[in-house]
Each structure stands twice: as C-alpha cells, then as structure tokens.
C-alpha atoms as a PDB file:
ATOM      1  CA  MET A   1      19.786   4.307  16.554  1.00  0.00           C
ATOM      2  CA  ALA A   2      19.385   3.912  12.980  1.00  0.00           C
ATOM      3  CA  GLU A   3      16.563   0.880  12.335  1.00  0.00           C
ATOM      4  CA  ARG A   4      17.905  -2.510  10.672  1.00  0.00           C
ATOM      5  CA  ILE A   5      16.560  -3.742   8.175  1.00  0.00           C
ATOM      6  CA  LEU A   6      17.088  -7.141   6.056  1.00  0.00           C
ATOM      7  CA  ILE A   7      15.936  -7.706   2.729  1.00  0.00           C
ATOM      8  CA  ALA A   8      15.226 -11.246   1.762  1.00  0.00           C
ATOM      9  CA  GLU A   9      15.866 -10.793  -2.236  1.00  0.00           C
ATOM     10  CA  ASP A  10      17.423 -12.737  -4.999  1.00  0.00           C
ATOM     11  CA  ASP A  11      17.351 -10.191  -7.959  1.00  0.00           C
ATOM     12  CA  PRO A  12      20.677  -8.720  -7.155  1.00  0.00           C
ATOM     13  CA  ARG A  13      19.809  -5.376  -9.133  1.00  0.00           C
ATOM     14  CA  LEU A  14      16.913  -4.818  -7.006  1.00  0.00           C
ATOM     15  CA  ALA A  15      18.200  -5.876  -3.995  1.00  0.00           C
ATOM     16  CA  GLU A  16      21.237  -3.529  -4.449  1.00  0.00           C
ATOM     17  CA  MET A  17      19.100  -0.602  -5.315  1.00  0.00           C
ATOM     18  CA  LEU A  18      16.750  -0.983  -2.147  1.00  0.00           C
ATOM     19  CA  HIS A  19      19.964  -1.222  -0.196  1.00  0.00           C
ATOM     20  CA  GLU A  20      21.415   2.047  -1.403  1.00  0.00           C
ATOM     21  CA  TYR A  21      17.909   3.793  -1.413  1.00  0.00           C
ATOM     22  CA  LEU A  22      16.890   2.680   2.389  1.00  0.00           C
ATOM     23  CA  GLY A  23      20.582   3.303   3.113  1.00  0.00           C
ATOM     24  CA  LEU A  24      19.968   6.850   1.794  1.00  0.00           C
ATOM     25  CA  ALA A  25      16.775   6.881   4.301  1.00  0.00           C
ATOM     26  CA  GLY A  26      18.946   6.369   7.491  1.00  0.00           C
ATOM     27  CA  PHE A  27      18.213   2.717   7.661  1.00  0.00           C
ATOM     28  CA  ARG A  28      20.924  -0.070   8.308  1.00  0.00           C
ATOM     29  CA  VAL A  29      20.293  -2.548   5.895  1.00  0.00           C
ATOM     30  CA  SER A  30      21.300  -5.944   5.172  1.00  0.00           C
ATOM     31  CA  LEU A  31      21.058  -8.478   2.361  1.00  0.00           C
ATOM     32  CA  ALA A  32      19.996 -12.216   1.781  1.00  0.00           C
ATOM     33  CA  ALA A  33      19.693 -13.565  -1.429  1.00  0.00           C
ATOM     34  CA  ARG A  34      18.220 -17.300  -0.104  1.00  0.00           C
ATOM     35  CA  GLY A  35      15.831 -18.184   2.495  1.00  0.00           C
ATOM     36  CA  ALA A  36      18.229 -20.152   4.834  1.00  0.00           C
ATOM     37  CA  ASP A  37      20.518 -17.090   4.875  1.00  0.00           C
ATOM     38  CA  ALA A  38      17.811 -14.876   5.782  1.00  0.00           C
ATOM     39  CA  LEU A  39      16.630 -17.149   8.882  1.00  0.00           C
ATOM     40  CA  ASP A  40      20.364 -17.189   9.846  1.00  0.00           C
ATOM     41  CA  GLN A  41      20.732 -13.807  10.113  1.00  0.00           C
ATOM     42  CA  LEU A  42      17.138 -13.025  11.641  1.00  0.00           C
ATOM     43  CA  ALA A  43      18.403 -15.734  14.273  1.00  0.00           C
ATOM     44  CA  ALA A  44      21.676 -13.740  15.116  1.00  0.00           C
ATOM     45  CA  VAL A  45      20.800 -10.549  14.936  1.00  0.00           C
ATOM     46  CA  GLU A  46      17.509  -8.616  16.177  1.00  0.00           C
ATOM     47  CA  PHE A  47      15.840  -6.542  12.974  1.00  0.00           C
ATOM     48  CA  ASP A  48      13.529  -4.147  13.090  1.00  0.00           C
ATOM     49  CA  ALA A  49      11.696  -5.409  10.178  1.00  0.00           C
ATOM     50  CA  LEU A  50      11.901  -8.034   7.038  1.00  0.00           C
ATOM     51  CA  VAL A  51      11.491  -7.120   3.581  1.00  0.00           C
ATOM     52  CA  LEU A  52      10.747 -10.385   1.975  1.00  0.00           C
ATOM     53  CA  ASP A  53      10.471 -11.418  -1.527  1.00  0.00           C
ATOM     54  CA  LEU A  54       8.103 -14.300  -2.017  1.00  0.00           C
ATOM     55  CA  GLY A  55       9.780 -16.033  -4.644  1.00  0.00           C
ATOM     56  CA  LEU A  56      13.352 -17.162  -3.431  1.00  0.00           C
ATOM     57  CA  PRO A  57      15.129 -19.589  -5.126  1.00  0.00           C
ATOM     58  CA  ASP A  58      15.521 -22.036  -2.053  1.00  0.00           C
ATOM     59  CA  MET A  59      12.542 -21.523  -0.055  1.00  0.00           C
ATOM     60  CA  ASP A  60       8.869 -20.417  -0.143  1.00  0.00           C
ATOM     61  CA  GLY A  61       8.887 -17.041   1.091  1.00  0.00           C
ATOM     62  CA  LEU A  62       5.588 -18.131   2.746  1.00  0.00           C
ATOM     63  CA  ASP A  63       7.233 -20.902   4.539  1.00  0.00           C
ATOM     64  CA  LEU A  64       9.919 -18.571   5.809  1.00  0.00           C
ATOM     65  CA  CYS A  65       7.205 -15.894   7.029  1.00  0.00           C
ATOM     66  CA  ARG A  66       5.097 -19.311   9.030  1.00  0.00           C
ATOM     67  CA  ARG A  67       8.913 -20.104  10.355  1.00  0.00           C
ATOM     68  CA  LEU A  68       9.735 -16.456  11.481  1.00  0.00           C
ATOM     69  CA  ARG A  69       6.498 -16.096  13.046  1.00  0.00           C
ATOM     70  CA  ALA A  70       6.882 -19.597  15.387  1.00  0.00           C
ATOM     71  CA  THR A  71       9.578 -17.603  17.228  1.00  0.00           C
ATOM     72  CA  SER A  72       9.692 -13.935  16.172  1.00  0.00           C
ATOM     73  CA  ASP A  73       7.038 -10.794  15.902  1.00  0.00           C
ATOM     74  CA  THR A  74       9.959  -8.944  13.470  1.00  0.00           C
ATOM     75  CA  PRO A  75       7.307  -6.531  11.109  1.00  0.00           C
ATOM     76  CA  VAL A  76       7.329  -8.472   7.590  1.00  0.00           C
ATOM     77  CA  LEU A  77       6.761  -6.229   4.345  1.00  0.00           C
ATOM     78  CA  MET A  78       5.976  -9.099   1.779  1.00  0.00           C
ATOM     79  CA  LEU A  79       7.181  -8.451  -2.072  1.00  0.00           C
ATOM     80  CA  THR A  80       4.904 -10.604  -4.693  1.00  0.00           C
ATOM     81  CA  ALA A  81       4.753 -10.641  -8.171  1.00  0.00           C
ATOM     82  CA  ARG A  82       1.997  -9.094 -10.170  1.00  0.00           C
ATOM     83  CA  GLY A  83      -1.455 -11.329  -9.794  1.00  0.00           C
ATOM     84  CA  GLU A  84      -0.329 -12.987  -6.742  1.00  0.00           C
ATOM     85  CA  ALA A  85      -3.617 -12.389  -4.913  1.00  0.00           C
ATOM     86  CA  THR A  86      -3.517 -15.627  -3.027  1.00  0.00           C
ATOM     87  CA  ASP A  87      -0.308 -15.703  -1.802  1.00  0.00           C
ATOM     88  CA  ARG A  88      -0.970 -12.170  -0.544  1.00  0.00           C
ATOM     89  CA  ILE A  89      -3.947 -13.360   1.363  1.00  0.00           C
ATOM     90  CA  VAL A  90      -1.894 -16.286   2.750  1.00  0.00           C
ATOM     91  CA  GLY A  91       0.892 -14.410   3.861  1.00  0.00           C
ATOM     92  CA  LEU A  92      -1.066 -11.562   5.845  1.00  0.00           C
ATOM     93  CA  GLU A  93      -3.032 -14.790   7.334  1.00  0.00           C
ATOM     94  CA  LEU A  94       0.329 -16.209   8.235  1.00  0.00           C
ATOM     95  CA  GLY A  95       1.107 -12.771  10.041  1.00  0.00           C
ATOM     96  CA  ALA A  96       2.948 -10.763   7.675  1.00  0.00           C
ATOM     97  CA  ASP A  97       2.178  -7.134   8.226  1.00  0.00           C
ATOM     98  CA  ASP A  98       2.201  -5.500   4.697  1.00  0.00           C
ATOM     99  CA  TYR A  99       2.709  -6.502   0.986  1.00  0.00           C
ATOM    100  CA  LEU A 100       3.805  -4.722  -1.966  1.00  0.00           C
ATOM    101  CA  PRO A 101       3.180  -6.013  -5.675  1.00  0.00           C
ATOM    102  CA  LYS A 102       6.178  -6.084  -7.811  1.00  0.00           C
ATOM    103  CA  PRO A 103       7.080  -3.444  -9.518  1.00  0.00           C
ATOM    104  CA  PHE A 104       6.697  -0.844  -6.911  1.00  0.00           C
ATOM    105  CA  GLU A 105       8.051   2.586  -6.520  1.00  0.00           C
ATOM    106  CA  PRO A 106      10.941   2.756  -3.891  1.00  0.00           C
ATOM    107  CA  ARG A 107       8.806   5.635  -2.450  1.00  0.00           C
ATOM    108  CA  GLU A 108       5.923   3.568  -1.812  1.00  0.00           C
ATOM    109  CA  LEU A 109       8.186   0.712  -0.163  1.00  0.00           C
ATOM    110  CA  LEU A 110       9.588   3.344   1.984  1.00  0.00           C
ATOM    111  CA  ALA A 111       6.590   4.704   3.383  1.00  0.00           C
ATOM    112  CA  ARG A 112       4.886   1.076   3.925  1.00  0.00           C
ATOM    113  CA  LEU A 113       8.163   0.244   5.567  1.00  0.00           C
ATOM    114  CA  ARG A 114       7.977   3.361   8.065  1.00  0.00           C
ATOM    115  CA  THR A 115       4.062   2.709   8.313  1.00  0.00           C
ATOM    116  CA  ILE A 116       4.997  -0.959   9.931  1.00  0.00           C
ATOM    117  CA  LEU A 117       7.721   0.668  12.015  1.00  0.00           C
ATOM    118  CA  ARG A 118       5.517   3.477  13.329  1.00  0.00           C
ATOM    119  CA  ARG A 119       2.598   1.118  13.875  1.00  0.00           C
ATOM    120  CA  ARG A 120       5.298  -1.500  15.890  1.00  0.00           C
ATOM    121  CA  ARG A 121       6.336   1.737  18.069  1.00  0.00           C
ATOM    122  CA  GLY A 122       2.672   2.141  19.122  1.00  0.00           C
ATOM    123  CA  GLN A 123       2.779   5.275  17.216  1.00  0.00           C
ATOM    124  CA  LEU A 124       0.011   4.700  14.529  1.00  0.00           C
ATOM    125  CA  PRO A 125      -3.567   2.113  14.859  1.00  0.00           C
ATOM    126  CA  LEU A 126      -3.602  -0.664  12.499  1.00  0.00           C
ATOM    127  CA  GLU A 127      -5.344   0.833   9.235  1.00  0.00           C
ATOM    128  CA  ARG A 128      -6.035  -1.983   6.591  1.00  0.00           C
ATOM    129  CA  PRO A 129      -5.977  -0.729   3.064  1.00  0.00           C
ATOM    130  CA  LEU A 130      -9.699   0.059   1.502  1.00  0.00           C
ATOM    131  CA  GLN A 131     -10.654  -2.933  -0.778  1.00  0.00           C
ATOM    132  CA  PHE A 132     -13.432  -2.638  -3.453  1.00  0.00           C
ATOM    133  CA  GLY A 133     -13.605  -5.447  -5.750  1.00  0.00           C
ATOM    134  CA  ARG A 134     -10.544  -4.766  -7.740  1.00  0.00           C
ATOM    135  CA  LEU A 135      -9.750  -1.617  -6.299  1.00  0.00           C
ATOM    136  CA  GLU A 136      -7.304  -0.961  -3.164  1.00  0.00           C
ATOM    137  CA  ILE A 137      -7.001   2.328  -1.507  1.00  0.00           C
ATOM    138  CA  ASP A 138      -3.953   2.343   0.705  1.00  0.00           C
ATOM    139  CA  ARG A 139      -4.337   5.367   2.949  1.00  0.00           C
ATOM    140  CA  ALA A 140      -1.196   4.757   5.057  1.00  0.00           C
ATOM    141  CA  ALA A 141       0.961   4.582   2.309  1.00  0.00           C
ATOM    142  CA  HIS A 142      -1.356   7.136   0.184  1.00  0.00           C
ATOM    143  CA  ALA A 143      -1.194   4.345  -2.660  1.00  0.00           C
ATOM    144  CA  LEU A 144      -4.001   3.544  -5.000  1.00  0.00           C
ATOM    145  CA  ARG A 145      -4.196   0.149  -7.361  1.00  0.00           C
ATOM    146  CA  LEU A 146      -6.412  -1.401 -10.071  1.00  0.00           C
ATOM    147  CA  ASP A 147      -5.780  -4.671 -10.724  1.00  0.00           C
ATOM    148  CA  GLY A 148      -2.515  -4.512  -8.675  1.00  0.00           C
ATOM    149  CA  LYS A 149      -1.286  -1.578 -11.004  1.00  0.00           C
ATOM    150  CA  PRO A 150      -0.363   1.437  -9.380  1.00  0.00           C
ATOM    151  CA  CYS A 151      -2.731   4.356 -10.299  1.00  0.00           C
ATOM    152  CA  THR A 152      -1.512   7.862 -10.133  1.00  0.00           C
ATOM    153  CA  LEU A 153      -3.573  10.972  -8.653  1.00  0.00           C
ATOM    154  CA  THR A 154      -2.404  14.106  -7.209  1.00  0.00           C
ATOM    155  CA  GLY A 155      -2.842  14.545  -3.184  1.00  0.00           C
ATOM    156  CA  TYR A 156      -5.743  16.213  -3.258  1.00  0.00           C
ATOM    157  CA  GLN A 157      -7.400  13.862  -5.634  1.00  0.00           C
ATOM    158  CA  PHE A 158      -6.291  11.207  -3.508  1.00  0.00           C
ATOM    159  CA  SER A 159      -7.855  12.755  -0.312  1.00  0.00           C
ATOM    160  CA  LEU A 160     -10.966  13.041  -2.295  1.00  0.00           C
ATOM    161  CA  LEU A 161     -11.256   9.757  -3.153  1.00  0.00           C
ATOM    162  CA  VAL A 162     -10.670   8.549   0.414  1.00  0.00           C
ATOM    163  CA  ALA A 163     -13.250  10.588   1.425  1.00  0.00           C
ATOM    164  CA  LEU A 164     -15.954   9.305  -0.860  1.00  0.00           C
ATOM    165  CA  ALA A 165     -14.458   5.436  -0.149  1.00  0.00           C
ATOM    166  CA  GLU A 166     -14.690   5.843   3.742  1.00  0.00           C
ATOM    167  CA  ASN A 167     -18.424   7.131   3.145  1.00  0.00           C
ATOM    168  CA  ALA A 168     -19.086   4.330   0.534  1.00  0.00           C
ATOM    169  CA  GLY A 169     -23.079   3.949  -0.179  1.00  0.00           C
ATOM    170  CA  ARG A 170     -23.590   7.692   0.900  1.00  0.00           C
ATOM    171  CA  VAL A 171     -24.280  10.784  -1.130  1.00  0.00           C
ATOM    172  CA  LEU A 172     -21.702  13.488  -0.349  1.00  0.00           C
ATOM    173  CA  THR A 173     -22.446  17.141  -1.631  1.00  0.00           C
ATOM    174  CA  ARG A 174     -19.422  18.886  -2.983  1.00  0.00           C
ATOM    175  CA  GLU A 175     -19.206  21.123  -0.143  1.00  0.00           C
ATOM    176  CA  THR A 176     -19.154  18.109   2.151  1.00  0.00           C
ATOM    177  CA  LEU A 177     -16.049  16.645  -0.038  1.00  0.00           C
ATOM    178  CA  MET A 178     -14.528  19.900   0.287  1.00  0.00           C
ATOM    179  CA  ASP A 179     -14.871  19.555   3.834  1.00  0.00           C
ATOM    180  CA  LEU A 180     -13.723  16.009   4.356  1.00  0.00           C
ATOM    181  CA  ALA A 181     -10.567  16.763   2.079  1.00  0.00           C
ATOM    182  CA  LYS A 182      -8.945  19.351   3.574  1.00  0.00           C
ATOM    183  CA  GLY A 183      -5.369  20.573   2.749  1.00  0.00           C
ATOM    184  CA  GLU A 184      -5.981  22.370  -0.390  1.00  0.00           C
ATOM    185  CA  GLN A 185      -7.475  25.716  -1.225  1.00  0.00           C
ATOM    186  CA  LEU A 186      -9.872  25.423  -3.929  1.00  0.00           C
ATOM    187  CA  ASP A 187     -11.584  27.912  -5.994  1.00  0.00           C
ATOM    188  CA  ALA A 188     -14.450  29.328  -4.540  1.00  0.00           C
ATOM    189  CA  PHE A 189     -16.440  28.018  -7.348  1.00  0.00           C
ATOM    190  CA  ASP A 190     -17.116  24.484  -6.257  1.00  0.00           C
ATOM    191  CA  ARG A 191     -17.637  22.719  -9.362  1.00  0.00           C
ATOM    192  CA  SER A 192     -13.628  22.426  -9.503  1.00  0.00           C
ATOM    193  CA  ILE A 193     -14.682  19.313  -7.596  1.00  0.00           C
ATOM    194  CA  ASP A 194     -16.422  18.067 -10.687  1.00  0.00           C
ATOM    195  CA  VAL A 195     -12.893  18.766 -12.407  1.00  0.00           C
ATOM    196  CA  HIS A 196     -11.056  16.548  -9.853  1.00  0.00           C
ATOM    197  CA  VAL A 197     -13.716  13.692 -10.102  1.00  0.00           C
ATOM    198  CA  SER A 198     -13.519  13.647 -13.880  1.00  0.00           C
ATOM    199  CA  ARG A 199      -9.684  13.070 -13.213  1.00  0.00           C
ATOM    200  CA  ILE A 200     -10.226  10.393 -10.457  1.00  0.00           C
ATOM    201  CA  ARG A 201     -12.664   8.419 -12.868  1.00  0.00           C
ATOM    202  CA  ALA A 202      -9.818   8.615 -15.542  1.00  0.00           C
ATOM    203  CA  ALA A 203      -7.489   6.569 -13.192  1.00  0.00           C
ATOM    204  CA  ILE A 204      -9.631   4.286 -11.695  1.00  0.00           C
ATOM    205  CA  GLU A 205     -13.072   3.412 -13.993  1.00  0.00           C
ATOM    206  CA  ASP A 206     -13.080   1.127 -16.971  1.00  0.00           C
ATOM    207  CA  ASP A 207     -15.137   3.525 -18.705  1.00  0.00           C
ATOM    208  CA  PRO A 208     -14.987   6.962 -17.253  1.00  0.00           C
ATOM    209  CA  LYS A 209     -17.828   7.807 -19.642  1.00  0.00           C
ATOM    210  CA  ALA A 210     -20.033   5.462 -18.040  1.00  0.00           C
ATOM    211  CA  PRO A 211     -18.380   5.349 -14.286  1.00  0.00           C
ATOM    212  CA  ARG A 212     -19.612   2.696 -11.706  1.00  0.00           C
ATOM    213  CA  ARG A 213     -17.491   3.451  -9.019  1.00  0.00           C
ATOM    214  CA  ILE A 214     -18.031   6.803  -8.591  1.00  0.00           C
ATOM    215  CA  ILE A 215     -21.475   7.770  -9.444  1.00  0.00           C
ATOM    216  CA  THR A 216     -22.894  11.129 -10.049  1.00  0.00           C
ATOM    217  CA  VAL A 217     -26.539  11.871  -8.319  1.00  0.00           C
ATOM    218  CA  ARG A 218     -28.260  14.775  -9.924  1.00  0.00           C
ATOM    219  CA  GLY A 219     -28.735  17.969  -7.967  1.00  0.00           C
ATOM    220  CA  ALA A 220     -26.993  16.326  -4.941  1.00  0.00           C
ATOM    221  CA  GLY A 221     -23.310  15.367  -5.504  1.00  0.00           C
ATOM    222  CA  TYR A 222     -21.460  12.169  -5.670  1.00  0.00           C
ATOM    223  CA  VAL A 223     -21.474   8.544  -4.200  1.00  0.00           C
ATOM    224  CA  PHE A 224     -18.881   5.906  -4.119  1.00  0.00           C
ATOM    225  CA  ALA A 225     -20.567   2.596  -5.010  1.00  0.00           C
ATOM    226  CA  ARG A 226     -20.263  -0.249  -1.963  1.00  0.00           C
ATOM    227  CA  ALA A 227     -20.378  -3.100  -4.538  1.00  0.00           C
ATOM    228  CA  GLN A 228     -17.829  -3.103  -7.108  1.00  0.00           C
ATOM    229  CA  ASP A 229     -16.362  -5.714  -9.566  1.00  0.00           C
END
C-alpha cells in the first residue's frame, strides 16, 4: 500500500507542486495550509511522514512539531527559509528527523523523504549530515550546501568529497581516494583526480586559488581541513 504523506505548507503553488510530484512518485498525499488543520488530520489519520513548513500562518511550525512529538513518532521533514539556522537546530532538538532549506529541488525532498521512511522501517542507520563550519555534506540525500545554498557536483565528485570529509585531518593519496570513491572507472593516469578536486574546490571554496577546505600536500595527496569557518 502507498505510504501517506501530509504536507503542511501555506504556499498554494508549492503545495500543489509537491502534491503532484510526490503523487507521481507513488505516495498518497494530503495537504494542510494551516497548523490547526495539520493537527486535525494527524489526529484522524495515520500518516507515514509529515513535511512541515515552519512558517505557517496560524501556528509556529516548531510549536506544531513540539505538540506532535508529545503524542506521536510520525517522521517530520521540516522546510525552513534560508538562513534560519537557529530554527533548524531547535527543530531537530524537538524531534524533527531532517530539514530542508528553501528554495530546494523536489528531487532532494523526495530523496530525504525516502531516507526518513527507510530509516523508520529499520532499513537504514541514522546518518547525520557532516558539518564543517558553513559547509554541510548530506550523504543520505546526496546533497551539498554552502551557507545553506546547494552546490552542484557530479556523483563521482561528491563521492570524492565524502571520502575526504570522512577522513578529515588525514592526508589521502590519489590512489587511496580512487579506492574510497568507488563507482567510476578513472583513467589510468591518476592525476585525473586533480581535475575532479579542482572542480570540487570551485564549488565549495571561497577562493579556489587559495583553498582552505581541501589542502594539497605536495608529494603526498590531499587533506580535508577539520577546522573551517
């Protein structure tokens, strides 16, 4: 049976777009434009997950999350406006399962929603995003953000970045990076790694010519800096 999703969102265009998109993905979707309506539906129907906009017109989304958690363990994916870091932290502390800053790609919302649902079914361990200062690497959703804004990398470049970040502070040779970031056949000339790293730097460094996140160690390889701004 299709899983049921409630979307609490007061922007009608966004709500309808998500309704259609998630419906095409195989979910049964209900909408609520106000917090009170969302609580009424949650009390009447057993939903598999709630997509919750924190900026509802009649109720603070954080308060709705708090009230829901008093009686239910329904997974919650929060939608937050760009820059609301405090709200995201508070929301996670109140029991939300994940958050997604606006604007977002529907594909990322779908990926995060599926991850939450698989985790609830016990198919995935809890895997928090990697956070390095202003940089967030979400392995589960295959998403990367700097200052809350999405950064675009190829799948292989994302795998390279994850390999570096999971070994922060440790120098990795090009050969080690190739082994850790499996999934793509590289040219025999391992300096192709350098091209990928330069493109990753272009996406995540404030000044790619003077990188502070991915540092070159001459004659050895690369190291991902532990401490970042």
